[in-house]
Amino acid sequence: TEAGNFFFNGNTLFIDHGSGFATMYCHLSR
């Protein structure tokens, strides 16, 4: 649902798994 380079989190991804349940991944190299 979202991806980009964030100031604090670096390269970041967000995944929506449904019903208000989501995960995020920060500091990625790629």
mmCIF file of all heavy atoms, coordinates in Angstrom:
data_MODEL
# 
_entry.id   MODEL 
# 
loop_
_atom_site.group_PDB 
_atom_site.id 
_atom_site.type_symbol 
_atom_site.label_atom_id 
_atom_site.label_alt_id 
_atom_site.label_comp_id 
_atom_site.label_asym_id 
_atom_site.label_entity_id 
_atom_site.label_seq_id 
_atom_site.pdbx_PDB_ins_code 
_atom_site.Cartn_x 
_atom_site.Cartn_y 
_atom_site.Cartn_z 
_atom_site.occupancy 
_atom_site.B_iso_or_equiv 
_atom_site.pdbx_formal_charge 
_atom_site.auth_seq_id 
_atom_site.auth_comp_id 
_atom_site.auth_asym_id 
_atom_site.auth_atom_id 
_atom_site.pdbx_PDB_model_num 
ATOM 1   N N   . THR A 1 1  ? 0.803   -1.230  0.000  1.00 0.00 ? 1  THR A N   1 
ATOM 2   C CA  . THR A 1 1  ? 0.000   0.000   0.000  1.00 0.00 ? 1  THR A CA  1 
ATOM 3   C C   . THR A 1 1  ? 0.833   1.276   0.000  1.00 0.00 ? 1  THR A C   1 
ATOM 4   O O   . THR A 1 1  ? 0.323   2.345   -0.309 1.00 0.00 ? 1  THR A O   1 
ATOM 5   C CB  . THR A 1 1  ? -0.938  0.028   1.216  1.00 0.00 ? 1  THR A CB  1 
ATOM 6   O OG1 . THR A 1 1  ? -0.159  -0.146  2.409  1.00 0.00 ? 1  THR A OG1 1 
ATOM 7   C CG2 . THR A 1 1  ? -1.982  -1.072  1.122  1.00 0.00 ? 1  THR A CG2 1 
ATOM 8   N N   . GLU A 1 2  ? 2.101   1.181   0.357  1.00 0.00 ? 2  GLU A N   1 
ATOM 9   C CA  . GLU A 1 2  ? 2.963   2.368   0.391  1.00 0.00 ? 2  GLU A CA  1 
ATOM 10  C C   . GLU A 1 2  ? 4.410   1.910   0.322  1.00 0.00 ? 2  GLU A C   1 
ATOM 11  O O   . GLU A 1 2  ? 4.776   0.847   0.841  1.00 0.00 ? 2  GLU A O   1 
ATOM 12  C CB  . GLU A 1 2  ? 2.715   3.161   1.678  1.00 0.00 ? 2  GLU A CB  1 
ATOM 13  C CG  . GLU A 1 2  ? 3.540   4.423   1.843  1.00 0.00 ? 2  GLU A CG  1 
ATOM 14  C CD  . GLU A 1 2  ? 3.260   5.473   0.778  1.00 0.00 ? 2  GLU A CD  1 
ATOM 15  O OE1 . GLU A 1 2  ? 2.354   6.299   0.969  1.00 0.00 ? 2  GLU A OE1 1 
ATOM 16  O OE2 . GLU A 1 2  ? 3.976   5.437   -0.254 1.00 0.00 ? 2  GLU A OE2 1 
ATOM 17  N N   . ALA A 1 3  ? 5.234   2.717   -0.337 1.00 0.00 ? 3  ALA A N   1 
ATOM 18  C CA  . ALA A 1 3  ? 6.659   2.416   -0.441 1.00 0.00 ? 3  ALA A CA  1 
ATOM 19  C C   . ALA A 1 3  ? 7.404   3.710   -0.723 1.00 0.00 ? 3  ALA A C   1 
ATOM 20  O O   . ALA A 1 3  ? 6.893   4.598   -1.407 1.00 0.00 ? 3  ALA A O   1 
ATOM 21  C CB  . ALA A 1 3  ? 6.920   1.398   -1.552 1.00 0.00 ? 3  ALA A CB  1 
ATOM 22  N N   . GLY A 1 4  ? 8.603   3.842   -0.191 1.00 0.00 ? 4  GLY A N   1 
ATOM 23  C CA  . GLY A 1 4  ? 9.397   5.035   -0.459 1.00 0.00 ? 4  GLY A CA  1 
ATOM 24  C C   . GLY A 1 4  ? 10.544  5.165   0.512  1.00 0.00 ? 4  GLY A C   1 
ATOM 25  O O   . GLY A 1 4  ? 10.735  4.337   1.405  1.00 0.00 ? 4  GLY A O   1 
ATOM 26  N N   . ASN A 1 5  ? 11.315  6.247   0.334  1.00 0.00 ? 5  ASN A N   1 
ATOM 27  C CA  . ASN A 1 5  ? 12.426  6.541   1.224  1.00 0.00 ? 5  ASN A CA  1 
ATOM 28  C C   . ASN A 1 5  ? 11.969  7.563   2.253  1.00 0.00 ? 5  ASN A C   1 
ATOM 29  O O   . ASN A 1 5  ? 11.600  8.687   1.906  1.00 0.00 ? 5  ASN A O   1 
ATOM 30  C CB  . ASN A 1 5  ? 13.633  7.071   0.440  1.00 0.00 ? 5  ASN A CB  1 
ATOM 31  C CG  . ASN A 1 5  ? 14.828  7.309   1.346  1.00 0.00 ? 5  ASN A CG  1 
ATOM 32  O OD1 . ASN A 1 5  ? 14.971  8.387   1.912  1.00 0.00 ? 5  ASN A OD1 1 
ATOM 33  N ND2 . ASN A 1 5  ? 15.668  6.304   1.496  1.00 0.00 ? 5  ASN A ND2 1 
ATOM 34  N N   . PHE A 1 6  ? 11.992  7.190   3.532  1.00 0.00 ? 6  PHE A N   1 
ATOM 35  C CA  . PHE A 1 6  ? 11.504  8.025   4.622  1.00 0.00 ? 6  PHE A CA  1 
ATOM 36  C C   . PHE A 1 6  ? 12.684  8.542   5.447  1.00 0.00 ? 6  PHE A C   1 
ATOM 37  O O   . PHE A 1 6  ? 13.722  7.872   5.546  1.00 0.00 ? 6  PHE A O   1 
ATOM 38  C CB  . PHE A 1 6  ? 10.554  7.232   5.510  1.00 0.00 ? 6  PHE A CB  1 
ATOM 39  C CG  . PHE A 1 6  ? 9.199   6.960   4.895  1.00 0.00 ? 6  PHE A CG  1 
ATOM 40  C CD1 . PHE A 1 6  ? 9.073   6.260   3.701  1.00 0.00 ? 6  PHE A CD1 1 
ATOM 41  C CD2 . PHE A 1 6  ? 8.050   7.414   5.514  1.00 0.00 ? 6  PHE A CD2 1 
ATOM 42  C CE1 . PHE A 1 6  ? 7.838   6.013   3.140  1.00 0.00 ? 6  PHE A CE1 1 
ATOM 43  C CE2 . PHE A 1 6  ? 6.797   7.175   4.968  1.00 0.00 ? 6  PHE A CE2 1 
ATOM 44  C CZ  . PHE A 1 6  ? 6.689   6.479   3.770  1.00 0.00 ? 6  PHE A CZ  1 
ATOM 45  N N   . PHE A 1 7  ? 12.517  9.705   6.036  1.00 0.00 ? 7  PHE A N   1 
ATOM 46  C CA  . PHE A 1 7  ? 13.608  10.376  6.748  1.00 0.00 ? 7  PHE A CA  1 
ATOM 47  C C   . PHE A 1 7  ? 14.196  9.500   7.848  1.00 0.00 ? 7  PHE A C   1 
ATOM 48  O O   . PHE A 1 7  ? 15.414  9.292   7.901  1.00 0.00 ? 7  PHE A O   1 
ATOM 49  C CB  . PHE A 1 7  ? 13.107  11.694  7.341  1.00 0.00 ? 7  PHE A CB  1 
ATOM 50  C CG  . PHE A 1 7  ? 14.191  12.506  7.993  1.00 0.00 ? 7  PHE A CG  1 
ATOM 51  C CD1 . PHE A 1 7  ? 15.033  13.311  7.237  1.00 0.00 ? 7  PHE A CD1 1 
ATOM 52  C CD2 . PHE A 1 7  ? 14.378  12.470  9.367  1.00 0.00 ? 7  PHE A CD2 1 
ATOM 53  C CE1 . PHE A 1 7  ? 16.044  14.060  7.833  1.00 0.00 ? 7  PHE A CE1 1 
ATOM 54  C CE2 . PHE A 1 7  ? 15.380  13.214  9.982  1.00 0.00 ? 7  PHE A CE2 1 
ATOM 55  C CZ  . PHE A 1 7  ? 16.219  14.013  9.206  1.00 0.00 ? 7  PHE A CZ  1 
ATOM 56  N N   . PHE A 1 8  ? 13.355  9.014   8.748  1.00 0.00 ? 8  PHE A N   1 
ATOM 57  C CA  . PHE A 1 8  ? 13.832  8.183   9.841  1.00 0.00 ? 8  PHE A CA  1 
ATOM 58  C C   . PHE A 1 8  ? 13.934  6.709   9.458  1.00 0.00 ? 8  PHE A C   1 
ATOM 59  O O   . PHE A 1 8  ? 14.861  6.016   9.867  1.00 0.00 ? 8  PHE A O   1 
ATOM 60  C CB  . PHE A 1 8  ? 12.922  8.313   11.068 1.00 0.00 ? 8  PHE A CB  1 
ATOM 61  C CG  . PHE A 1 8  ? 13.005  9.638   11.767 1.00 0.00 ? 8  PHE A CG  1 
ATOM 62  C CD1 . PHE A 1 8  ? 11.866  10.403  11.959 1.00 0.00 ? 8  PHE A CD1 1 
ATOM 63  C CD2 . PHE A 1 8  ? 14.216  10.126  12.239 1.00 0.00 ? 8  PHE A CD2 1 
ATOM 64  C CE1 . PHE A 1 8  ? 11.937  11.626  12.604 1.00 0.00 ? 8  PHE A CE1 1 
ATOM 65  C CE2 . PHE A 1 8  ? 14.301  11.346  12.888 1.00 0.00 ? 8  PHE A CE2 1 
ATOM 66  C CZ  . PHE A 1 8  ? 13.151  12.100  13.075 1.00 0.00 ? 8  PHE A CZ  1 
ATOM 67  N N   . ASN A 1 9  ? 12.970  6.223   8.702  1.00 0.00 ? 9  ASN A N   1 
ATOM 68  C CA  . ASN A 1 9  ? 12.855  4.790   8.427  1.00 0.00 ? 9  ASN A CA  1 
ATOM 69  C C   . ASN A 1 9  ? 13.638  4.319   7.212  1.00 0.00 ? 9  ASN A C   1 
ATOM 70  O O   . ASN A 1 9  ? 13.689  3.111   6.949  1.00 0.00 ? 9  ASN A O   1 
ATOM 71  C CB  . ASN A 1 9  ? 11.383  4.405   8.255  1.00 0.00 ? 9  ASN A CB  1 
ATOM 72  C CG  . ASN A 1 9  ? 10.590  4.598   9.525  1.00 0.00 ? 9  ASN A CG  1 
ATOM 73  O OD1 . ASN A 1 9  ? 11.151  4.582   10.626 1.00 0.00 ? 9  ASN A OD1 1 
ATOM 74  N ND2 . ASN A 1 9  ? 9.292   4.786   9.395  1.00 0.00 ? 9  ASN A ND2 1 
ATOM 75  N N   . GLY A 1 10 ? 14.211  5.235   6.448  1.00 0.00 ? 10 GLY A N   1 
ATOM 76  C CA  . GLY A 1 10 ? 14.910  4.831   5.238  1.00 0.00 ? 10 GLY A CA  1 
ATOM 77  C C   . GLY A 1 10 ? 13.953  4.230   4.223  1.00 0.00 ? 10 GLY A C   1 
ATOM 78  O O   . GLY A 1 10 ? 12.761  4.571   4.184  1.00 0.00 ? 10 GLY A O   1 
ATOM 79  N N   . ASN A 1 11 ? 14.449  3.321   3.388  1.00 0.00 ? 11 ASN A N   1 
ATOM 80  C CA  . ASN A 1 11 ? 13.582  2.667   2.407  1.00 0.00 ? 11 ASN A CA  1 
ATOM 81  C C   . ASN A 1 11 ? 12.579  1.779   3.138  1.00 0.00 ? 11 ASN A C   1 
ATOM 82  O O   . ASN A 1 11 ? 12.976  0.888   3.902  1.00 0.00 ? 11 ASN A O   1 
ATOM 83  C CB  . ASN A 1 11 ? 14.422  1.836   1.437  1.00 0.00 ? 11 ASN A CB  1 
ATOM 84  C CG  . ASN A 1 11 ? 15.327  2.703   0.584  1.00 0.00 ? 11 ASN A CG  1 
ATOM 85  O OD1 . ASN A 1 11 ? 14.970  3.822   0.223  1.00 0.00 ? 11 ASN A OD1 1 
ATOM 86  N ND2 . ASN A 1 11 ? 16.506  2.201   0.268  1.00 0.00 ? 11 ASN A ND2 1 
ATOM 87  N N   . THR A 1 12 ? 11.302  2.045   2.885  1.00 0.00 ? 12 THR A N   1 
ATOM 88  C CA  . THR A 1 12 ? 10.233  1.456   3.695  1.00 0.00 ? 12 THR A CA  1 
ATOM 89  C C   . THR A 1 12 ? 9.117   0.899   2.823  1.00 0.00 ? 12 THR A C   1 
ATOM 90  O O   . THR A 1 12 ? 8.781   1.466   1.791  1.00 0.00 ? 12 THR A O   1 
ATOM 91  C CB  . THR A 1 12 ? 9.663   2.527   4.652  1.00 0.00 ? 12 THR A CB  1 
ATOM 92  O OG1 . THR A 1 12 ? 10.720  3.020   5.489  1.00 0.00 ? 12 THR A OG1 1 
ATOM 93  C CG2 . THR A 1 12 ? 8.563   1.963   5.528  1.00 0.00 ? 12 THR A CG2 1 
ATOM 94  N N   . LEU A 1 13 ? 8.527   -0.210  3.284  1.00 0.00 ? 13 LEU A N   1 
ATOM 95  C CA  . LEU A 1 13 ? 7.371   -0.816  2.634  1.00 0.00 ? 13 LEU A CA  1 
ATOM 96  C C   . LEU A 1 13 ? 6.266   -1.015  3.652  1.00 0.00 ? 13 LEU A C   1 
ATOM 97  O O   . LEU A 1 13 ? 6.521   -1.263  4.833  1.00 0.00 ? 13 LEU A O   1 
ATOM 98  C CB  . LEU A 1 13 ? 7.725   -2.190  2.052  1.00 0.00 ? 13 LEU A CB  1 
ATOM 99  C CG  . LEU A 1 13 ? 8.625   -2.266  0.832  1.00 0.00 ? 13 LEU A CG  1 
ATOM 100 C CD1 . LEU A 1 13 ? 8.968   -3.732  0.553  1.00 0.00 ? 13 LEU A CD1 1 
ATOM 101 C CD2 . LEU A 1 13 ? 7.935   -1.657  -0.379 1.00 0.00 ? 13 LEU A CD2 1 
ATOM 102 N N   . PHE A 1 14 ? 5.008   -0.934  3.178  1.00 0.00 ? 14 PHE A N   1 
ATOM 103 C CA  . PHE A 1 14 ? 3.843   -1.257  3.999  1.00 0.00 ? 14 PHE A CA  1 
ATOM 104 C C   . PHE A 1 14 ? 2.997   -2.280  3.239  1.00 0.00 ? 14 PHE A C   1 
ATOM 105 O O   . PHE A 1 14 ? 2.778   -2.137  2.034  1.00 0.00 ? 14 PHE A O   1 
ATOM 106 C CB  . PHE A 1 14 ? 2.986   -0.018  4.261  1.00 0.00 ? 14 PHE A CB  1 
ATOM 107 C CG  . PHE A 1 14 ? 3.666   1.057   5.061  1.00 0.00 ? 14 PHE A CG  1 
ATOM 108 C CD1 . PHE A 1 14 ? 4.503   1.979   4.443  1.00 0.00 ? 14 PHE A CD1 1 
ATOM 109 C CD2 . PHE A 1 14 ? 3.481   1.145   6.428  1.00 0.00 ? 14 PHE A CD2 1 
ATOM 110 C CE1 . PHE A 1 14 ? 5.129   2.972   5.168  1.00 0.00 ? 14 PHE A CE1 1 
ATOM 111 C CE2 . PHE A 1 14 ? 4.106   2.147   7.170  1.00 0.00 ? 14 PHE A CE2 1 
ATOM 112 C CZ  . PHE A 1 14 ? 4.934   3.062   6.533  1.00 0.00 ? 14 PHE A CZ  1 
ATOM 113 N N   . ILE A 1 15 ? 2.505   -3.296  3.949  1.00 0.00 ? 15 ILE A N   1 
ATOM 114 C CA  . ILE A 1 15 ? 1.629   -4.307  3.349  1.00 0.00 ? 15 ILE A CA  1 
ATOM 115 C C   . ILE A 1 15 ? 0.333   -4.387  4.134  1.00 0.00 ? 15 ILE A C   1 
ATOM 116 O O   . ILE A 1 15 ? 0.344   -4.495  5.368  1.00 0.00 ? 15 ILE A O   1 
ATOM 117 C CB  . ILE A 1 15 ? 2.303   -5.687  3.315  1.00 0.00 ? 15 ILE A CB  1 
ATOM 118 C CG1 . ILE A 1 15 ? 3.563   -5.650  2.456  1.00 0.00 ? 15 ILE A CG1 1 
ATOM 119 C CG2 . ILE A 1 15 ? 1.344   -6.745  2.771  1.00 0.00 ? 15 ILE A CG2 1 
ATOM 120 C CD1 . ILE A 1 15 ? 4.323   -6.970  2.411  1.00 0.00 ? 15 ILE A CD1 1 
ATOM 121 N N   . ASP A 1 16 ? -0.780  -4.323  3.422  1.00 0.00 ? 16 ASP A N   1 
ATOM 122 C CA  . ASP A 1 16 ? -2.115  -4.478  4.012  1.00 0.00 ? 16 ASP A CA  1 
ATOM 123 C C   . ASP A 1 16 ? -2.517  -5.943  3.897  1.00 0.00 ? 16 ASP A C   1 
ATOM 124 O O   . ASP A 1 16 ? -2.563  -6.499  2.807  1.00 0.00 ? 16 ASP A O   1 
ATOM 125 C CB  . ASP A 1 16 ? -3.103  -3.586  3.248  1.00 0.00 ? 16 ASP A CB  1 
ATOM 126 C CG  . ASP A 1 16 ? -4.528  -3.682  3.769  1.00 0.00 ? 16 ASP A CG  1 
ATOM 127 O OD1 . ASP A 1 16 ? -4.757  -4.375  4.785  1.00 0.00 ? 16 ASP A OD1 1 
ATOM 128 O OD2 . ASP A 1 16 ? -5.419  -3.072  3.156  1.00 0.00 ? 16 ASP A OD2 1 
ATOM 129 N N   . HIS A 1 17 ? -2.827  -6.578  5.032  1.00 0.00 ? 17 HIS A N   1 
ATOM 130 C CA  . HIS A 1 17 ? -3.236  -7.975  5.048  1.00 0.00 ? 17 HIS A CA  1 
ATOM 131 C C   . HIS A 1 17 ? -4.743  -8.133  5.262  1.00 0.00 ? 17 HIS A C   1 
ATOM 132 O O   . HIS A 1 17 ? -5.250  -9.247  5.322  1.00 0.00 ? 17 HIS A O   1 
ATOM 133 C CB  . HIS A 1 17 ? -2.491  -8.732  6.144  1.00 0.00 ? 17 HIS A CB  1 
ATOM 134 C CG  . HIS A 1 17 ? -1.001  -8.675  5.990  1.00 0.00 ? 17 HIS A CG  1 
ATOM 135 N ND1 . HIS A 1 17 ? -0.316  -9.408  5.049  1.00 0.00 ? 17 HIS A ND1 1 
ATOM 136 C CD2 . HIS A 1 17 ? -0.072  -7.931  6.641  1.00 0.00 ? 17 HIS A CD2 1 
ATOM 137 C CE1 . HIS A 1 17 ? 0.980   -9.140  5.140  1.00 0.00 ? 17 HIS A CE1 1 
ATOM 138 N NE2 . HIS A 1 17 ? 1.157   -8.243  6.089  1.00 0.00 ? 17 HIS A NE2 1 
ATOM 139 N N   . GLY A 1 18 ? -5.469  -7.019  5.376  1.00 0.00 ? 18 GLY A N   1 
ATOM 140 C CA  . GLY A 1 18 ? -6.915  -7.061  5.512  1.00 0.00 ? 18 GLY A CA  1 
ATOM 141 C C   . GLY A 1 18 ? -7.397  -6.854  6.935  1.00 0.00 ? 18 GLY A C   1 
ATOM 142 O O   . GLY A 1 18 ? -6.703  -7.145  7.914  1.00 0.00 ? 18 GLY A O   1 
ATOM 143 N N   . SER A 1 19 ? -8.603  -6.318  7.066  1.00 0.00 ? 19 SER A N   1 
ATOM 144 C CA  . SER A 1 19 ? -9.285  -6.148  8.353  1.00 0.00 ? 19 SER A CA  1 
ATOM 145 C C   . SER A 1 19 ? -8.473  -5.368  9.376  1.00 0.00 ? 19 SER A C   1 
ATOM 146 O O   . SER A 1 19 ? -8.434  -5.702  10.558 1.00 0.00 ? 19 SER A O   1 
ATOM 147 C CB  . SER A 1 19 ? -9.679  -7.518  8.932  1.00 0.00 ? 19 SER A CB  1 
ATOM 148 O OG  . SER A 1 19 ? -10.624 -8.146  8.116  1.00 0.00 ? 19 SER A OG  1 
ATOM 149 N N   . GLY A 1 20 ? -7.785  -4.317  8.920  1.00 0.00 ? 20 GLY A N   1 
ATOM 150 C CA  . GLY A 1 20 ? -7.046  -3.479  9.844  1.00 0.00 ? 20 GLY A CA  1 
ATOM 151 C C   . GLY A 1 20 ? -5.730  -4.060  10.304 1.00 0.00 ? 20 GLY A C   1 
ATOM 152 O O   . GLY A 1 20 ? -5.137  -3.574  11.269 1.00 0.00 ? 20 GLY A O   1 
ATOM 153 N N   . PHE A 1 21 ? -5.249  -5.084  9.606  1.00 0.00 ? 21 PHE A N   1 
ATOM 154 C CA  . PHE A 1 21 ? -4.001  -5.762  9.958  1.00 0.00 ? 21 PHE A CA  1 
ATOM 155 C C   . PHE A 1 21 ? -2.964  -5.426  8.894  1.00 0.00 ? 21 PHE A C   1 
ATOM 156 O O   . PHE A 1 21 ? -3.160  -5.697  7.711  1.00 0.00 ? 21 PHE A O   1 
ATOM 157 C CB  . PHE A 1 21 ? -4.251  -7.262  10.025 1.00 0.00 ? 21 PHE A CB  1 
ATOM 158 C CG  . PHE A 1 21 ? -3.053  -8.097  10.371 1.00 0.00 ? 21 PHE A CG  1 
ATOM 159 C CD1 . PHE A 1 21 ? -2.254  -7.777  11.455 1.00 0.00 ? 21 PHE A CD1 1 
ATOM 160 C CD2 . PHE A 1 21 ? -2.744  -9.214  9.630  1.00 0.00 ? 21 PHE A CD2 1 
ATOM 161 C CE1 . PHE A 1 21 ? -1.155  -8.555  11.779 1.00 0.00 ? 21 PHE A CE1 1 
ATOM 162 C CE2 . PHE A 1 21 ? -1.654  -10.011 9.951  1.00 0.00 ? 21 PHE A CE2 1 
ATOM 163 C CZ  . PHE A 1 21 ? -0.861  -9.679  11.028 1.00 0.00 ? 21 PHE A CZ  1 
ATOM 164 N N   . ALA A 1 22 ? -1.842  -4.806  9.306  1.00 0.00 ? 22 ALA A N   1 
ATOM 165 C CA  . ALA A 1 22 ? -0.823  -4.364  8.351  1.00 0.00 ? 22 ALA A CA  1 
ATOM 166 C C   . ALA A 1 22 ? 0.565   -4.592  8.924  1.00 0.00 ? 22 ALA A C   1 
ATOM 167 O O   . ALA A 1 22 ? 0.751   -4.696  10.145 1.00 0.00 ? 22 ALA A O   1 
ATOM 168 C CB  . ALA A 1 22 ? -1.008  -2.884  8.015  1.00 0.00 ? 22 ALA A CB  1 
ATOM 169 N N   . THR A 1 23 ? 1.559   -4.671  8.013  1.00 0.00 ? 23 THR A N   1 
ATOM 170 C CA  . THR A 1 23 ? 2.945   -4.812  8.438  1.00 0.00 ? 23 THR A CA  1 
ATOM 171 C C   . THR A 1 23 ? 3.797   -3.768  7.741  1.00 0.00 ? 23 THR A C   1 
ATOM 172 O O   . THR A 1 23 ? 3.448   -3.274  6.666  1.00 0.00 ? 23 THR A O   1 
ATOM 173 C CB  . THR A 1 23 ? 3.496   -6.217  8.129  1.00 0.00 ? 23 THR A CB  1 
ATOM 174 O OG1 . THR A 1 23 ? 3.258   -6.525  6.743  1.00 0.00 ? 23 THR A OG1 1 
ATOM 175 C CG2 . THR A 1 23 ? 2.839   -7.268  9.002  1.00 0.00 ? 23 THR A CG2 1 
ATOM 176 N N   . MET A 1 24 ? 4.926   -3.408  8.368  1.00 0.00 ? 24 MET A N   1 
ATOM 177 C CA  . MET A 1 24 ? 5.840   -2.433  7.783  1.00 0.00 ? 24 MET A CA  1 
ATOM 178 C C   . MET A 1 24 ? 7.280   -2.931  7.905  1.00 0.00 ? 24 MET A C   1 
ATOM 179 O O   . MET A 1 24 ? 7.620   -3.684  8.826  1.00 0.00 ? 24 MET A O   1 
ATOM 180 C CB  . MET A 1 24 ? 5.679   -1.061  8.428  1.00 0.00 ? 24 MET A CB  1 
ATOM 181 C CG  . MET A 1 24 ? 6.069   -0.974  9.878  1.00 0.00 ? 24 MET A CG  1 
ATOM 182 S SD  . MET A 1 24 ? 5.772   0.676   10.598 1.00 0.00 ? 24 MET A SD  1 
ATOM 183 C CE  . MET A 1 24 ? 6.903   1.691   9.622  1.00 0.00 ? 24 MET A CE  1 
ATOM 184 N N   . TYR A 1 25 ? 8.124   -2.480  6.967  1.00 0.00 ? 25 TYR A N   1 
ATOM 185 C CA  . TYR A 1 25 ? 9.494   -2.955  6.843  1.00 0.00 ? 25 TYR A CA  1 
ATOM 186 C C   . TYR A 1 25 ? 10.383  -1.742  6.579  1.00 0.00 ? 25 TYR A C   1 
ATOM 187 O O   . TYR A 1 25 ? 10.186  -1.039  5.582  1.00 0.00 ? 25 TYR A O   1 
ATOM 188 C CB  . TYR A 1 25 ? 9.606   -3.956  5.682  1.00 0.00 ? 25 TYR A CB  1 
ATOM 189 C CG  . TYR A 1 25 ? 8.505   -4.998  5.727  1.00 0.00 ? 25 TYR A CG  1 
ATOM 190 C CD1 . TYR A 1 25 ? 7.227   -4.690  5.232  1.00 0.00 ? 25 TYR A CD1 1 
ATOM 191 C CD2 . TYR A 1 25 ? 8.705   -6.234  6.313  1.00 0.00 ? 25 TYR A CD2 1 
ATOM 192 C CE1 . TYR A 1 25 ? 6.197   -5.603  5.318  1.00 0.00 ? 25 TYR A CE1 1 
ATOM 193 C CE2 . TYR A 1 25 ? 7.679   -7.162  6.392  1.00 0.00 ? 25 TYR A CE2 1 
ATOM 194 C CZ  . TYR A 1 25 ? 6.427   -6.840  5.901  1.00 0.00 ? 25 TYR A CZ  1 
ATOM 195 O OH  . TYR A 1 25 ? 5.395   -7.742  5.997  1.00 0.00 ? 25 TYR A OH  1 
ATOM 196 N N   . CYS A 1 26 ? 11.355  -1.499  7.445  1.00 0.00 ? 26 CYS A N   1 
ATOM 197 C CA  . CYS A 1 26 ? 12.137  -0.264  7.360  1.00 0.00 ? 26 CYS A CA  1 
ATOM 198 C C   . CYS A 1 26 ? 13.633  -0.537  7.214  1.00 0.00 ? 26 CYS A C   1 
ATOM 199 O O   . CYS A 1 26 ? 14.119  -1.609  7.577  1.00 0.00 ? 26 CYS A O   1 
ATOM 200 C CB  . CYS A 1 26 ? 11.914  0.584   8.609  1.00 0.00 ? 26 CYS A CB  1 
ATOM 201 S SG  . CYS A 1 26 ? 10.189  0.969   8.956  1.00 0.00 ? 26 CYS A SG  1 
ATOM 202 N N   . HIS A 1 27 ? 14.344  0.476   6.704  1.00 0.00 ? 27 HIS A N   1 
ATOM 203 C CA  . HIS A 1 27 ? 15.801  0.505   6.553  1.00 0.00 ? 27 HIS A CA  1 
ATOM 204 C C   . HIS A 1 27 ? 16.303  -0.390  5.426  1.00 0.00 ? 27 HIS A C   1 
ATOM 205 O O   . HIS A 1 27 ? 17.471  -0.792  5.416  1.00 0.00 ? 27 HIS A O   1 
ATOM 206 C CB  . HIS A 1 27 ? 16.501  0.132   7.871  1.00 0.00 ? 27 HIS A CB  1 
ATOM 207 C CG  . HIS A 1 27 ? 15.979  0.871   9.064  1.00 0.00 ? 27 HIS A CG  1 
ATOM 208 N ND1 . HIS A 1 27 ? 15.900  2.249   9.102  1.00 0.00 ? 27 HIS A ND1 1 
ATOM 209 C CD2 . HIS A 1 27 ? 15.480  0.430   10.254 1.00 0.00 ? 27 HIS A CD2 1 
ATOM 210 C CE1 . HIS A 1 27 ? 15.397  2.619   10.271 1.00 0.00 ? 27 HIS A CE1 1 
ATOM 211 N NE2 . HIS A 1 27 ? 15.126  1.538   10.976 1.00 0.00 ? 27 HIS A NE2 1 
ATOM 212 N N   . LEU A 1 28 ? 15.458  -0.700  4.450  1.00 0.00 ? 28 LEU A N   1 
ATOM 213 C CA  . LEU A 1 28 ? 15.835  -1.598  3.369  1.00 0.00 ? 28 LEU A CA  1 
ATOM 214 C C   . LEU A 1 28 ? 16.929  -0.988  2.485  1.00 0.00 ? 28 LEU A C   1 
ATOM 215 O O   . LEU A 1 28 ? 16.979  0.233   2.308  1.00 0.00 ? 28 LEU A O   1 
ATOM 216 C CB  . LEU A 1 28 ? 14.617  -1.941  2.506  1.00 0.00 ? 28 LEU A CB  1 
ATOM 217 C CG  . LEU A 1 28 ? 13.649  -3.005  3.040  1.00 0.00 ? 28 LEU A CG  1 
ATOM 218 C CD1 . LEU A 1 28 ? 13.005  -2.594  4.351  1.00 0.00 ? 28 LEU A CD1 1 
ATOM 219 C CD2 . LEU A 1 28 ? 12.574  -3.295  2.001  1.00 0.00 ? 28 LEU A CD2 1 
ATOM 220 N N   . SER A 1 29 ? 17.784  -1.841  1.926  1.00 0.00 ? 29 SER A N   1 
ATOM 221 C CA  . SER A 1 29 ? 18.747  -1.383  0.926  1.00 0.00 ? 29 SER A CA  1 
ATOM 222 C C   . SER A 1 29 ? 18.097  -1.325  -0.448 1.00 0.00 ? 29 SER A C   1 
ATOM 223 O O   . SER A 1 29 ? 18.517  -0.548  -1.309 1.00 0.00 ? 29 SER A O   1 
ATOM 224 C CB  . SER A 1 29 ? 19.971  -2.312  0.882  1.00 0.00 ? 29 SER A CB  1 
ATOM 225 O OG  . SER A 1 29 ? 19.607  -3.624  0.500  1.00 0.00 ? 29 SER A OG  1 
ATOM 226 N N   . ARG A 1 30 ? 17.041  -2.157  -0.639 1.00 0.00 ? 30 ARG A N   1 
ATOM 227 C CA  . ARG A 1 30 ? 16.353  -2.194  -1.920 1.00 0.00 ? 30 ARG A CA  1 
ATOM 228 C C   . ARG A 1 30 ? 14.950  -2.721  -1.724 1.00 0.00 ? 30 ARG A C   1 
ATOM 229 O O   . ARG A 1 30 ? 14.719  -3.593  -0.885 1.00 0.00 ? 30 ARG A O   1 
ATOM 230 C CB  . ARG A 1 30 ? 17.108  -3.107  -2.891 1.00 0.00 ? 30 ARG A CB  1 
ATOM 231 C CG  . ARG A 1 30 ? 16.616  -3.066  -4.326 1.00 0.00 ? 30 ARG A CG  1 
ATOM 232 C CD  . ARG A 1 30 ? 17.385  -4.055  -5.188 1.00 0.00 ? 30 ARG A CD  1 
ATOM 233 N NE  . ARG A 1 30 ? 16.864  -5.407  -5.037 1.00 0.00 ? 30 ARG A NE  1 
ATOM 234 C CZ  . ARG A 1 30 ? 17.516  -6.499  -5.452 1.00 0.00 ? 30 ARG A CZ  1 
ATOM 235 N NH1 . ARG A 1 30 ? 18.727  -6.388  -5.992 1.00 0.00 ? 30 ARG A NH1 1 
ATOM 236 N NH2 . ARG A 1 30 ? 16.976  -7.700  -5.316 1.00 0.00 ? 30 ARG A NH2 1 
# 
